[in-house]
Amino acid sequence: MRFLKSAAAQVIGLFVADWVQTAVILVIVATAWYSISGLRAAPLPVLIGLVVLLAAQHIWFALAEARRDARPRPLPSPSPR
C-alpha cells in the first residue's frame, strides 16, 4: 500500500509541477507580448528580458525538483518476524 501511495504522490507531483511551470511560462510570454504590442515598448530590451526570465524560471524549477528529489526519505520500519 505504501508503494502505491508513494507512486501516486510522484505522479501527482509531476503534473502539478508541470502545470505551475507552464503557467509561469505563459505569464512571462504574455507579459512580453503585451509590453511590445500594447505598451509600444522597444522590442530588443523586452526580448532580452524575456530570455533572461525564461532561463531563470527554468533554473528555478530545476533546482526545486532537485531539492524535492534529494529530501531524505524515512527508512521503512523493519517488519516484525
C-alpha atoms as a PDB file:
ATOM      1  CA  MET A   1       0.000   0.000   0.000  1.00  0.00           C
ATOM      2  CA  ARG A   2       2.877   2.399   0.753  1.00  0.00           C
ATOM      3  CA  PHE A   3       4.276   1.791  -2.710  1.00  0.00           C
ATOM      4  CA  LEU A   4       1.000   2.845  -4.333  1.00  0.00           C
ATOM      5  CA  LYS A   5       0.767   5.977  -2.186  1.00  0.00           C
ATOM      6  CA  SER A   6       4.368   6.883  -2.995  1.00  0.00           C
ATOM      7  CA  ALA A   7       3.870   6.268  -6.711  1.00  0.00           C
ATOM      8  CA  ALA A   8       0.671   8.331  -6.741  1.00  0.00           C
ATOM      9  CA  ALA A   9       2.414  11.181  -4.918  1.00  0.00           C
ATOM     10  CA  GLN A  10       5.231  11.193  -7.500  1.00  0.00           C
ATOM     11  CA  VAL A  11       2.818  11.212 -10.452  1.00  0.00           C
ATOM     12  CA  ILE A  12       0.671  13.972  -8.949  1.00  0.00           C
ATOM     13  CA  GLY A  13       3.818  15.970  -8.134  1.00  0.00           C
ATOM     14  CA  LEU A  14       4.967  15.754 -11.742  1.00  0.00           C
ATOM     15  CA  PHE A  15       1.650  17.025 -13.109  1.00  0.00           C
ATOM     16  CA  VAL A  16       1.331  19.835 -10.564  1.00  0.00           C
ATOM     17  CA  ALA A  17       4.917  20.991 -11.156  1.00  0.00           C
ATOM     18  CA  ASP A  18       4.401  20.878 -14.930  1.00  0.00           C
ATOM     19  CA  TRP A  19       1.173  22.889 -14.739  1.00  0.00           C
ATOM     20  CA  VAL A  20       2.746  25.504 -12.490  1.00  0.00           C
ATOM     21  CA  GLN A  21       5.775  25.790 -14.756  1.00  0.00           C
ATOM     22  CA  THR A  22       3.521  26.070 -17.809  1.00  0.00           C
ATOM     23  CA  ALA A  23       1.506  28.831 -16.140  1.00  0.00           C
ATOM     24  CA  VAL A  24       4.699  30.745 -15.260  1.00  0.00           C
ATOM     25  CA  ILE A  25       5.957  30.468 -18.848  1.00  0.00           C
ATOM     26  CA  LEU A  26       2.612  31.691 -20.225  1.00  0.00           C
ATOM     27  CA  VAL A  27       2.633  34.685 -17.871  1.00  0.00           C
ATOM     28  CA  ILE A  28       6.188  35.601 -18.910  1.00  0.00           C
ATOM     29  CA  VAL A  29       5.421  35.312 -22.636  1.00  0.00           C
ATOM     30  CA  ALA A  30       2.096  37.177 -22.315  1.00  0.00           C
ATOM     31  CA  THR A  31       3.779  39.987 -20.393  1.00  0.00           C
ATOM     32  CA  ALA A  32       6.462  40.324 -23.067  1.00  0.00           C
ATOM     33  CA  TRP A  33       3.861  40.289 -25.837  1.00  0.00           C
ATOM     34  CA  TYR A  34       1.770  42.950 -24.081  1.00  0.00           C
ATOM     35  CA  SER A  35       4.846  45.086 -23.437  1.00  0.00           C
ATOM     36  CA  ILE A  36       5.753  45.130 -27.111  1.00  0.00           C
ATOM     37  CA  SER A  37       2.289  45.376 -28.688  1.00  0.00           C
ATOM     38  CA  GLY A  38       0.186  47.105 -26.039  1.00  0.00           C
ATOM     39  CA  LEU A  39       2.649  49.435 -24.374  1.00  0.00           C
ATOM     40  CA  ARG A  40       4.730  50.001 -27.533  1.00  0.00           C
ATOM     41  CA  ALA A  41       7.962  49.248 -25.670  1.00  0.00           C
ATOM     42  CA  ALA A  42      11.177  48.803 -27.609  1.00  0.00           C
ATOM     43  CA  PRO A  43      11.359  45.148 -28.672  1.00  0.00           C
ATOM     44  CA  LEU A  44      15.054  44.477 -28.014  1.00  0.00           C
ATOM     45  CA  PRO A  45      15.076  45.142 -24.245  1.00  0.00           C
ATOM     46  CA  VAL A  46      11.788  43.264 -23.851  1.00  0.00           C
ATOM     47  CA  LEU A  47      13.133  40.256 -25.754  1.00  0.00           C
ATOM     48  CA  ILE A  48      16.330  40.267 -23.695  1.00  0.00           C
ATOM     49  CA  GLY A  49      14.214  40.357 -20.543  1.00  0.00           C
ATOM     50  CA  LEU A  50      12.071  37.530 -21.918  1.00  0.00           C
ATOM     51  CA  VAL A  51      15.109  35.320 -22.479  1.00  0.00           C
ATOM     52  CA  VAL A  52      16.532  36.110 -19.034  1.00  0.00           C
ATOM     53  CA  LEU A  53      13.214  35.422 -17.284  1.00  0.00           C
ATOM     54  CA  LEU A  54      12.631  32.163 -19.157  1.00  0.00           C
ATOM     55  CA  ALA A  55      16.149  30.977 -18.305  1.00  0.00           C
ATOM     56  CA  ALA A  56      15.686  31.984 -14.658  1.00  0.00           C
ATOM     57  CA  GLN A  57      12.388  30.154 -14.301  1.00  0.00           C
ATOM     58  CA  HIS A  58      13.911  27.060 -15.909  1.00  0.00           C
ATOM     59  CA  ILE A  59      16.772  27.089 -13.397  1.00  0.00           C
ATOM     60  CA  TRP A  60      14.398  27.781 -10.508  1.00  0.00           C
ATOM     61  CA  PHE A  61      12.114  24.848 -11.342  1.00  0.00           C
ATOM     62  CA  ALA A  62      15.081  22.519 -11.968  1.00  0.00           C
ATOM     63  CA  LEU A  63      16.548  23.403  -8.554  1.00  0.00           C
ATOM     64  CA  ALA A  64      13.174  22.932  -6.873  1.00  0.00           C
ATOM     65  CA  GLU A  65      12.802  19.499  -8.451  1.00  0.00           C
ATOM     66  CA  ALA A  66      16.333  18.519  -7.427  1.00  0.00           C
ATOM     67  CA  ARG A  67      15.673  19.617  -3.837  1.00  0.00           C
ATOM     68  CA  ARG A  68      12.406  17.682  -3.810  1.00  0.00           C
ATOM     69  CA  ASP A  69      14.158  14.542  -5.051  1.00  0.00           C
ATOM     70  CA  ALA A  70      17.079  14.948  -2.628  1.00  0.00           C
ATOM     71  CA  ARG A  71      14.927  15.066   0.512  1.00  0.00           C
ATOM     72  CA  PRO A  72      15.825  12.268   2.864  1.00  0.00           C
ATOM     73  CA  ARG A  73      13.090   9.711   2.878  1.00  0.00           C
ATOM     74  CA  PRO A  74      12.312   7.796   6.054  1.00  0.00           C
ATOM     75  CA  LEU A  75      13.522   4.230   6.020  1.00  0.00           C
ATOM     76  CA  PRO A  76      10.801   1.615   6.186  1.00  0.00           C
ATOM     77  CA  SER A  77      10.439   0.201   9.633  1.00  0.00           C
ATOM     78  CA  PRO A  78      11.564  -3.390   9.940  1.00  0.00           C
ATOM     79  CA  SER A  79       8.664  -5.751   9.882  1.00  0.00           C
ATOM     80  CA  PRO A  80       8.274  -7.975  12.946  1.00  0.00           C
ATOM     81  CA  ARG A  81       9.010 -11.609  12.309  1.00  0.00           C
END
